[in-house]
Amino acid sequence: MKKLAIYLDTSVINFLFAEDAPEMQEITVDFFDHYVLPQVYDVYVSVVVIDEISRTRDQHKRETLLETLRKYKIKVVSIEERINEIEDLAKSYIERRIIPEKKMEDALHIAICTVFEMDVLLSWNYKHLANVNKERLILSANLLEGYSKQFRMATPMEVMYEEE
């Protein structure tokens, strides 16, 4: 059986170190240790995630987040050849008012998942990404734009399961 292709937005990586949200941090650490590290899934980020991390003001935190990508051997999907298609699709989400204009990175994450036919966009962002209502609107917009593969927008909890 083919592994699920999971795209991580920046929030998932940040919550590995979110001591102010211990329950979400614990779930995220469990996800990374029991699903990402043993490569249960094919896990990806993009340069959009790396750019967001690179803007972290605290140098130590920034280096820790970037090291996490290496430690867990997270793949970076190469978007350069399809950047115009990704940007156009992201702009369509904003034009349709599915994603707010100020949240272009969120729209780019969604467009990358669509263009590269990811199975799941994983996020702790309930407002714009891990939200069933947004998912429905995005899938409808994708159909109108000619993209028929459906994907899920979920939290790490939704891709974890108990082993028997």
N, C-alpha and C. Protein backbone atom coordinates (compact mmCIF):
# COMPACT_ATOMS: atom_id res chain seq x y z
N MET A 1 0.83 -1.18 0.00
CA MET A 1 0.00 0.00 0.00
C MET A 1 0.88 1.25 0.00
N LYS A 2 0.52 2.21 -0.81
CA LYS A 2 1.27 3.46 -0.93
C LYS A 2 1.14 4.28 0.36
N LYS A 3 2.25 4.85 0.77
CA LYS A 3 2.24 5.71 1.96
C LYS A 3 1.47 7.00 1.65
N LEU A 4 0.82 7.55 2.66
CA LEU A 4 0.20 8.86 2.50
C LEU A 4 1.28 9.91 2.33
N ALA A 5 1.05 10.85 1.43
CA ALA A 5 1.93 12.01 1.26
C ALA A 5 1.36 13.13 2.12
N ILE A 6 2.12 13.54 3.11
CA ILE A 6 1.66 14.55 4.07
C ILE A 6 2.55 15.78 3.97
N TYR A 7 1.90 16.92 3.82
CA TYR A 7 2.58 18.21 3.76
C TYR A 7 2.40 18.89 5.11
N LEU A 8 3.49 19.34 5.71
CA LEU A 8 3.43 20.04 6.99
C LEU A 8 3.49 21.54 6.79
N ASP A 9 2.56 22.26 7.39
CA ASP A 9 2.72 23.70 7.41
C ASP A 9 3.61 24.04 8.60
N THR A 10 3.99 25.27 8.74
CA THR A 10 4.96 25.70 9.74
C THR A 10 4.46 25.49 11.16
N SER A 11 3.15 25.59 11.38
CA SER A 11 2.62 25.45 12.74
C SER A 11 2.93 24.10 13.35
N VAL A 12 2.92 23.05 12.54
CA VAL A 12 3.19 21.71 13.06
C VAL A 12 4.62 21.62 13.59
N ILE A 13 5.55 22.18 12.88
CA ILE A 13 6.95 22.16 13.32
C ILE A 13 7.11 23.03 14.57
N ASN A 14 6.47 24.19 14.58
CA ASN A 14 6.55 25.08 15.74
C ASN A 14 6.01 24.43 17.00
N PHE A 15 4.96 23.63 16.87
CA PHE A 15 4.34 23.05 18.08
C PHE A 15 5.20 21.95 18.70
N LEU A 16 6.26 21.51 18.04
CA LEU A 16 7.21 20.62 18.70
C LEU A 16 7.82 21.30 19.92
N PHE A 17 7.87 22.63 19.90
CA PHE A 17 8.55 23.40 20.93
C PHE A 17 7.60 24.35 21.67
N ALA A 18 6.31 24.12 21.56
CA ALA A 18 5.30 25.03 22.13
C ALA A 18 5.01 24.65 23.59
N GLU A 19 5.91 25.03 24.47
CA GLU A 19 5.75 24.69 25.88
C GLU A 19 4.53 25.37 26.50
N ASP A 20 4.03 26.43 25.86
CA ASP A 20 2.85 27.12 26.36
C ASP A 20 1.55 26.40 25.96
N ALA A 21 1.66 25.35 25.17
CA ALA A 21 0.50 24.54 24.77
C ALA A 21 0.89 23.06 24.93
N PRO A 22 1.03 22.60 26.18
CA PRO A 22 1.62 21.28 26.42
C PRO A 22 0.86 20.11 25.77
N GLU A 23 -0.45 20.17 25.69
CA GLU A 23 -1.20 19.06 25.09
C GLU A 23 -0.91 18.95 23.60
N MET A 24 -0.94 20.08 22.90
CA MET A 24 -0.65 20.07 21.47
C MET A 24 0.81 19.73 21.22
N GLN A 25 1.70 20.20 22.08
CA GLN A 25 3.12 19.86 21.96
C GLN A 25 3.31 18.35 22.11
N GLU A 26 2.66 17.76 23.09
CA GLU A 26 2.80 16.31 23.32
C GLU A 26 2.32 15.51 22.11
N ILE A 27 1.20 15.90 21.54
CA ILE A 27 0.67 15.23 20.35
C ILE A 27 1.65 15.37 19.19
N THR A 28 2.20 16.57 19.02
CA THR A 28 3.12 16.84 17.92
C THR A 28 4.41 16.04 18.08
N VAL A 29 4.95 16.00 19.28
CA VAL A 29 6.16 15.21 19.54
C VAL A 29 5.88 13.74 19.25
N ASP A 30 4.73 13.25 19.69
CA ASP A 30 4.35 11.86 19.43
C ASP A 30 4.27 11.60 17.93
N PHE A 31 3.65 12.52 17.21
CA PHE A 31 3.55 12.38 15.75
C PHE A 31 4.93 12.30 15.11
N PHE A 32 5.83 13.21 15.48
CA PHE A 32 7.16 13.21 14.89
C PHE A 32 7.95 11.96 15.25
N ASP A 33 7.88 11.55 16.51
CA ASP A 33 8.68 10.40 16.97
C ASP A 33 8.15 9.06 16.46
N HIS A 34 6.82 8.94 16.32
CA HIS A 34 6.24 7.64 15.97
C HIS A 34 5.73 7.52 14.53
N TYR A 35 5.70 8.63 13.82
CA TYR A 35 5.19 8.59 12.44
C TYR A 35 6.15 9.22 11.43
N VAL A 36 6.76 10.35 11.80
CA VAL A 36 7.68 11.01 10.87
C VAL A 36 9.04 10.30 10.88
N LEU A 37 9.63 10.15 12.06
CA LEU A 37 10.96 9.55 12.16
C LEU A 37 11.02 8.14 11.55
N PRO A 38 10.07 7.25 11.87
CA PRO A 38 10.12 5.91 11.25
C PRO A 38 9.56 5.87 9.82
N GLN A 39 9.23 7.02 9.28
CA GLN A 39 8.76 7.17 7.90
C GLN A 39 7.51 6.34 7.61
N VAL A 40 6.56 6.41 8.52
CA VAL A 40 5.25 5.79 8.30
C VAL A 40 4.58 6.48 7.11
N TYR A 41 4.81 7.77 6.98
CA TYR A 41 4.27 8.58 5.89
C TYR A 41 5.42 9.20 5.11
N ASP A 42 5.14 9.63 3.87
CA ASP A 42 6.07 10.48 3.13
C ASP A 42 5.74 11.92 3.54
N VAL A 43 6.66 12.57 4.24
CA VAL A 43 6.39 13.87 4.83
C VAL A 43 7.20 14.95 4.10
N TYR A 44 6.51 16.03 3.77
CA TYR A 44 7.09 17.11 2.98
C TYR A 44 6.85 18.47 3.61
N VAL A 45 7.74 19.39 3.29
CA VAL A 45 7.54 20.82 3.47
C VAL A 45 7.93 21.46 2.14
N SER A 46 7.83 22.77 2.08
CA SER A 46 8.26 23.49 0.87
C SER A 46 9.14 24.66 1.29
N VAL A 47 9.66 25.36 0.30
CA VAL A 47 10.46 26.55 0.60
C VAL A 47 9.61 27.61 1.29
N VAL A 48 8.31 27.56 1.14
CA VAL A 48 7.43 28.50 1.85
C VAL A 48 7.58 28.28 3.36
N VAL A 49 7.60 27.03 3.79
CA VAL A 49 7.80 26.71 5.21
C VAL A 49 9.20 27.15 5.65
N ILE A 50 10.20 26.84 4.84
CA ILE A 50 11.57 27.22 5.18
C ILE A 50 11.71 28.73 5.27
N ASP A 51 11.06 29.47 4.37
CA ASP A 51 11.09 30.94 4.42
C ASP A 51 10.41 31.45 5.69
N GLU A 52 9.29 30.85 6.06
CA GLU A 52 8.61 31.26 7.29
C GLU A 52 9.51 31.02 8.50
N ILE A 53 10.14 29.86 8.55
CA ILE A 53 11.05 29.56 9.66
C ILE A 53 12.22 30.53 9.65
N SER A 54 12.74 30.85 8.48
CA SER A 54 13.90 31.74 8.36
C SER A 54 13.61 33.15 8.86
N ARG A 55 12.34 33.50 8.94
CA ARG A 55 11.97 34.83 9.46
C ARG A 55 11.80 34.83 10.98
N THR A 56 12.03 33.69 11.63
CA THR A 56 11.95 33.62 13.09
C THR A 56 13.02 34.52 13.67
N ARG A 57 12.61 35.44 14.52
CA ARG A 57 13.55 36.45 15.03
C ARG A 57 14.61 35.85 15.95
N ASP A 58 14.20 34.94 16.81
CA ASP A 58 15.11 34.31 17.76
C ASP A 58 16.01 33.33 17.00
N GLN A 59 17.31 33.66 16.95
CA GLN A 59 18.25 32.87 16.15
C GLN A 59 18.31 31.42 16.63
N HIS A 60 18.35 31.20 17.93
CA HIS A 60 18.42 29.82 18.45
C HIS A 60 17.18 29.03 18.05
N LYS A 61 16.02 29.63 18.19
CA LYS A 61 14.77 28.95 17.81
C LYS A 61 14.77 28.66 16.31
N ARG A 62 15.19 29.65 15.51
CA ARG A 62 15.24 29.48 14.06
C ARG A 62 16.14 28.29 13.69
N GLU A 63 17.32 28.22 14.28
CA GLU A 63 18.25 27.12 14.00
C GLU A 63 17.67 25.78 14.46
N THR A 64 16.99 25.78 15.60
CA THR A 64 16.37 24.56 16.12
C THR A 64 15.29 24.06 15.17
N LEU A 65 14.47 24.97 14.66
CA LEU A 65 13.40 24.59 13.73
C LEU A 65 13.98 24.04 12.43
N LEU A 66 15.00 24.69 11.90
CA LEU A 66 15.64 24.21 10.67
C LEU A 66 16.32 22.86 10.89
N GLU A 67 16.94 22.69 12.04
CA GLU A 67 17.58 21.40 12.36
C GLU A 67 16.54 20.29 12.46
N THR A 68 15.35 20.62 12.92
CA THR A 68 14.27 19.64 13.02
C THR A 68 13.97 19.02 11.66
N LEU A 69 13.98 19.84 10.61
CA LEU A 69 13.72 19.34 9.26
C LEU A 69 14.77 18.30 8.87
N ARG A 70 16.02 18.56 9.24
CA ARG A 70 17.10 17.61 8.93
C ARG A 70 17.01 16.37 9.81
N LYS A 71 16.79 16.59 11.10
CA LYS A 71 16.74 15.48 12.06
C LYS A 71 15.69 14.44 11.66
N TYR A 72 14.53 14.91 11.24
CA TYR A 72 13.44 14.01 10.90
C TYR A 72 13.41 13.65 9.41
N LYS A 73 14.42 14.08 8.67
CA LYS A 73 14.56 13.76 7.25
C LYS A 73 13.30 14.12 6.45
N ILE A 74 12.79 15.31 6.71
CA ILE A 74 11.59 15.79 6.02
C ILE A 74 12.00 16.27 4.63
N LYS A 75 11.29 15.79 3.64
CA LYS A 75 11.61 16.13 2.24
C LYS A 75 11.09 17.54 1.92
N VAL A 76 11.83 18.21 1.05
CA VAL A 76 11.41 19.53 0.57
C VAL A 76 10.94 19.36 -0.86
N VAL A 77 9.64 19.62 -1.08
CA VAL A 77 9.09 19.50 -2.42
C VAL A 77 9.61 20.67 -3.26
N SER A 78 10.09 20.37 -4.44
CA SER A 78 10.66 21.38 -5.32
C SER A 78 9.54 22.05 -6.13
N ILE A 79 9.28 23.32 -5.83
CA ILE A 79 8.15 24.00 -6.47
C ILE A 79 8.56 24.92 -7.61
N GLU A 80 9.86 25.09 -7.83
CA GLU A 80 10.33 26.09 -8.79
C GLU A 80 9.72 25.93 -10.18
N GLU A 81 9.67 24.71 -10.68
CA GLU A 81 9.17 24.50 -12.05
C GLU A 81 7.68 24.78 -12.19
N ARG A 82 6.96 24.78 -11.07
CA ARG A 82 5.51 24.98 -11.13
C ARG A 82 5.06 26.20 -10.33
N ILE A 83 6.01 27.09 -10.06
CA ILE A 83 5.72 28.23 -9.18
C ILE A 83 4.60 29.12 -9.72
N ASN A 84 4.54 29.35 -11.04
CA ASN A 84 3.48 30.21 -11.59
C ASN A 84 2.12 29.57 -11.37
N GLU A 85 2.03 28.28 -11.61
CA GLU A 85 0.77 27.56 -11.40
C GLU A 85 0.36 27.62 -9.92
N ILE A 86 1.32 27.45 -9.03
CA ILE A 86 1.05 27.49 -7.58
C ILE A 86 0.60 28.88 -7.16
N GLU A 87 1.30 29.90 -7.62
CA GLU A 87 0.94 31.27 -7.25
C GLU A 87 -0.43 31.65 -7.80
N ASP A 88 -0.73 31.26 -9.03
CA ASP A 88 -2.04 31.56 -9.61
C ASP A 88 -3.16 30.89 -8.82
N LEU A 89 -2.95 29.64 -8.43
CA LEU A 89 -3.96 28.93 -7.66
C LEU A 89 -4.13 29.56 -6.28
N ALA A 90 -3.03 29.93 -5.65
CA ALA A 90 -3.09 30.60 -4.34
C ALA A 90 -3.87 31.91 -4.45
N LYS A 91 -3.61 32.66 -5.51
CA LYS A 91 -4.34 33.92 -5.71
C LYS A 91 -5.83 33.66 -5.92
N SER A 92 -6.17 32.54 -6.54
CA SER A 92 -7.60 32.24 -6.76
C SER A 92 -8.31 31.99 -5.43
N TYR A 93 -7.62 31.39 -4.44
CA TYR A 93 -8.23 31.19 -3.12
C TYR A 93 -8.50 32.54 -2.46
N ILE A 94 -7.58 33.47 -2.67
CA ILE A 94 -7.74 34.81 -2.08
C ILE A 94 -8.84 35.57 -2.81
N GLU A 95 -8.84 35.50 -4.14
CA GLU A 95 -9.88 36.19 -4.92
C GLU A 95 -11.27 35.66 -4.59
N ARG A 96 -11.38 34.37 -4.29
CA ARG A 96 -12.67 33.77 -3.92
C ARG A 96 -13.00 33.99 -2.45
N ARG A 97 -12.11 34.66 -1.74
CA ARG A 97 -12.27 34.98 -0.32
C ARG A 97 -12.35 33.74 0.57
N ILE A 98 -11.68 32.70 0.12
CA ILE A 98 -11.57 31.49 0.94
C ILE A 98 -10.48 31.69 1.98
N ILE A 99 -9.39 32.30 1.55
CA ILE A 99 -8.26 32.62 2.41
C ILE A 99 -8.09 34.14 2.39
N PRO A 100 -7.88 34.77 3.56
CA PRO A 100 -7.70 36.22 3.60
C PRO A 100 -6.45 36.66 2.84
N GLU A 101 -6.52 37.85 2.28
CA GLU A 101 -5.42 38.39 1.48
C GLU A 101 -4.11 38.43 2.26
N LYS A 102 -4.17 38.67 3.56
CA LYS A 102 -2.96 38.77 4.38
C LYS A 102 -2.35 37.40 4.70
N LYS A 103 -2.99 36.34 4.28
CA LYS A 103 -2.53 34.98 4.59
C LYS A 103 -2.06 34.25 3.33
N MET A 104 -1.26 34.94 2.51
CA MET A 104 -0.78 34.37 1.26
C MET A 104 -0.02 33.07 1.48
N GLU A 105 0.77 32.98 2.56
CA GLU A 105 1.51 31.73 2.81
C GLU A 105 0.56 30.56 3.00
N ASP A 106 -0.56 30.78 3.70
CA ASP A 106 -1.54 29.70 3.87
C ASP A 106 -2.10 29.28 2.51
N ALA A 107 -2.40 30.26 1.68
CA ALA A 107 -2.91 29.96 0.33
C ALA A 107 -1.85 29.19 -0.48
N LEU A 108 -0.59 29.55 -0.32
CA LEU A 108 0.48 28.84 -1.02
C LEU A 108 0.61 27.39 -0.54
N HIS A 109 0.50 27.18 0.78
CA HIS A 109 0.55 25.80 1.31
C HIS A 109 -0.55 24.95 0.66
N ILE A 110 -1.74 25.50 0.58
CA ILE A 110 -2.88 24.77 0.00
C ILE A 110 -2.63 24.50 -1.48
N ALA A 111 -2.14 25.51 -2.19
CA ALA A 111 -1.89 25.35 -3.63
C ALA A 111 -0.80 24.31 -3.89
N ILE A 112 0.22 24.29 -3.07
CA ILE A 112 1.29 23.30 -3.22
C ILE A 112 0.71 21.90 -3.03
N CYS A 113 -0.11 21.73 -2.00
CA CYS A 113 -0.75 20.42 -1.76
C CYS A 113 -1.61 20.01 -2.95
N THR A 114 -2.30 20.97 -3.53
CA THR A 114 -3.17 20.68 -4.68
C THR A 114 -2.35 20.30 -5.90
N VAL A 115 -1.40 21.13 -6.25
CA VAL A 115 -0.61 20.92 -7.47
C VAL A 115 0.20 19.63 -7.39
N PHE A 116 0.73 19.31 -6.22
CA PHE A 116 1.55 18.11 -6.07
C PHE A 116 0.77 16.90 -5.55
N GLU A 117 -0.54 17.04 -5.53
CA GLU A 117 -1.45 15.94 -5.16
C GLU A 117 -1.08 15.27 -3.85
N MET A 118 -0.85 16.10 -2.83
CA MET A 118 -0.61 15.58 -1.48
C MET A 118 -1.92 14.98 -0.96
N ASP A 119 -1.83 14.02 -0.07
CA ASP A 119 -3.02 13.42 0.52
C ASP A 119 -3.57 14.23 1.68
N VAL A 120 -2.64 14.86 2.43
CA VAL A 120 -3.05 15.59 3.63
C VAL A 120 -2.19 16.84 3.78
N LEU A 121 -2.84 17.94 4.13
CA LEU A 121 -2.14 19.15 4.58
C LEU A 121 -2.30 19.15 6.09
N LEU A 122 -1.20 19.00 6.81
CA LEU A 122 -1.26 18.92 8.27
C LEU A 122 -0.95 20.28 8.87
N SER A 123 -1.79 20.71 9.81
CA SER A 123 -1.65 22.03 10.40
C SER A 123 -2.30 22.07 11.77
N TRP A 124 -1.84 23.00 12.60
CA TRP A 124 -2.54 23.32 13.84
C TRP A 124 -3.31 24.63 13.66
N ASN A 125 -3.37 25.16 12.46
CA ASN A 125 -4.08 26.40 12.17
C ASN A 125 -5.54 26.07 11.89
N TYR A 126 -6.36 26.14 12.92
CA TYR A 126 -7.79 25.80 12.78
C TYR A 126 -8.56 26.83 11.96
N LYS A 127 -8.09 28.05 11.97
CA LYS A 127 -8.85 29.12 11.31
C LYS A 127 -8.82 29.00 9.79
N HIS A 128 -7.63 28.74 9.22
CA HIS A 128 -7.52 28.75 7.76
C HIS A 128 -7.17 27.42 7.13
N LEU A 129 -6.63 26.46 7.90
CA LEU A 129 -6.15 25.25 7.26
C LEU A 129 -6.81 23.97 7.80
N ALA A 130 -6.72 23.71 9.08
CA ALA A 130 -7.31 22.48 9.62
C ALA A 130 -8.77 22.76 9.98
N ASN A 131 -9.57 22.98 8.95
CA ASN A 131 -10.93 23.45 9.14
C ASN A 131 -11.79 22.84 8.04
N VAL A 132 -12.80 22.06 8.44
CA VAL A 132 -13.62 21.33 7.47
C VAL A 132 -14.37 22.27 6.52
N ASN A 133 -14.78 23.42 7.01
CA ASN A 133 -15.50 24.37 6.15
C ASN A 133 -14.57 24.94 5.07
N LYS A 134 -13.35 25.30 5.46
CA LYS A 134 -12.37 25.78 4.48
C LYS A 134 -12.02 24.67 3.50
N GLU A 135 -11.87 23.46 4.01
CA GLU A 135 -11.54 22.32 3.15
C GLU A 135 -12.58 22.15 2.05
N ARG A 136 -13.82 22.23 2.42
CA ARG A 136 -14.92 22.08 1.45
C ARG A 136 -14.85 23.17 0.38
N LEU A 137 -14.64 24.41 0.80
CA LEU A 137 -14.54 25.53 -0.15
C LEU A 137 -13.34 25.39 -1.07
N ILE A 138 -12.22 24.94 -0.51
CA ILE A 138 -11.00 24.77 -1.30
C ILE A 138 -11.18 23.66 -2.33
N LEU A 139 -11.75 22.53 -1.92
CA LEU A 139 -11.95 21.43 -2.85
C LEU A 139 -12.88 21.85 -4.00
N SER A 140 -13.89 22.66 -3.69
CA SER A 140 -14.78 23.17 -4.74
C SER A 140 -14.03 24.10 -5.68
N ALA A 141 -13.23 25.00 -5.12
CA ALA A 141 -12.43 25.91 -5.95
C ALA A 141 -11.45 25.12 -6.82
N ASN A 142 -10.85 24.09 -6.24
CA ASN A 142 -9.91 23.27 -7.00
C ASN A 142 -10.59 22.61 -8.20
N LEU A 143 -11.79 22.11 -8.00
CA LEU A 143 -12.53 21.51 -9.11
C LEU A 143 -12.77 22.52 -10.22
N LEU A 144 -13.15 23.74 -9.83
CA LEU A 144 -13.38 24.80 -10.82
C LEU A 144 -12.09 25.15 -11.57
N GLU A 145 -10.95 24.98 -10.91
CA GLU A 145 -9.65 25.28 -11.52
C GLU A 145 -9.07 24.07 -12.26
N GLY A 146 -9.78 22.94 -12.25
CA GLY A 146 -9.33 21.77 -12.99
C GLY A 146 -8.52 20.75 -12.20
N TYR A 147 -8.53 20.86 -10.87
CA TYR A 147 -7.81 19.91 -10.01
C TYR A 147 -8.83 19.00 -9.34
N SER A 148 -8.79 17.71 -9.67
CA SER A 148 -9.81 16.81 -9.17
C SER A 148 -9.39 15.97 -7.96
N LYS A 149 -8.08 15.87 -7.69
CA LYS A 149 -7.65 15.05 -6.55
C LYS A 149 -8.01 15.75 -5.25
N GLN A 150 -8.72 15.04 -4.42
CA GLN A 150 -9.08 15.59 -3.12
C GLN A 150 -7.97 15.34 -2.12
N PHE A 151 -7.87 16.23 -1.16
CA PHE A 151 -6.95 16.03 -0.05
C PHE A 151 -7.64 16.49 1.22
N ARG A 152 -7.08 16.09 2.33
CA ARG A 152 -7.62 16.47 3.63
C ARG A 152 -6.77 17.55 4.25
N MET A 153 -7.41 18.40 5.02
CA MET A 153 -6.70 19.37 5.84
C MET A 153 -7.00 18.94 7.28
N ALA A 154 -5.95 18.55 8.01
CA ALA A 154 -6.15 17.91 9.29
C ALA A 154 -5.08 18.35 10.29
N THR A 155 -5.27 17.93 11.54
CA THR A 155 -4.26 18.13 12.58
C THR A 155 -3.47 16.83 12.72
N PRO A 156 -2.33 16.89 13.40
CA PRO A 156 -1.57 15.65 13.61
C PRO A 156 -2.40 14.54 14.27
N MET A 157 -3.33 14.88 15.15
CA MET A 157 -4.15 13.86 15.81
C MET A 157 -4.90 12.99 14.81
N GLU A 158 -5.26 13.56 13.68
CA GLU A 158 -6.10 12.86 12.72
C GLU A 158 -5.33 11.87 11.83
N VAL A 159 -4.02 11.87 11.91
CA VAL A 159 -3.24 10.90 11.14
C VAL A 159 -2.49 9.93 12.03
N MET A 160 -2.80 9.99 13.32
CA MET A 160 -2.19 9.06 14.27
C MET A 160 -3.22 8.00 14.62
N TYR A 161 -2.75 6.82 14.93
CA TYR A 161 -3.63 5.73 15.29
C TYR A 161 -2.92 4.81 16.25
N GLU A 162 -3.69 4.06 16.96
CA GLU A 162 -3.10 3.10 17.90
C GLU A 162 -2.73 1.84 17.15
N GLU A 163 -1.55 1.36 17.37
CA GLU A 163 -1.13 0.11 16.75
C GLU A 163 -1.67 -1.04 17.57
N GLU A 164 -2.07 -2.10 16.90
CA GLU A 164 -2.63 -3.24 17.61
C GLU A 164 -1.54 -4.20 18.03
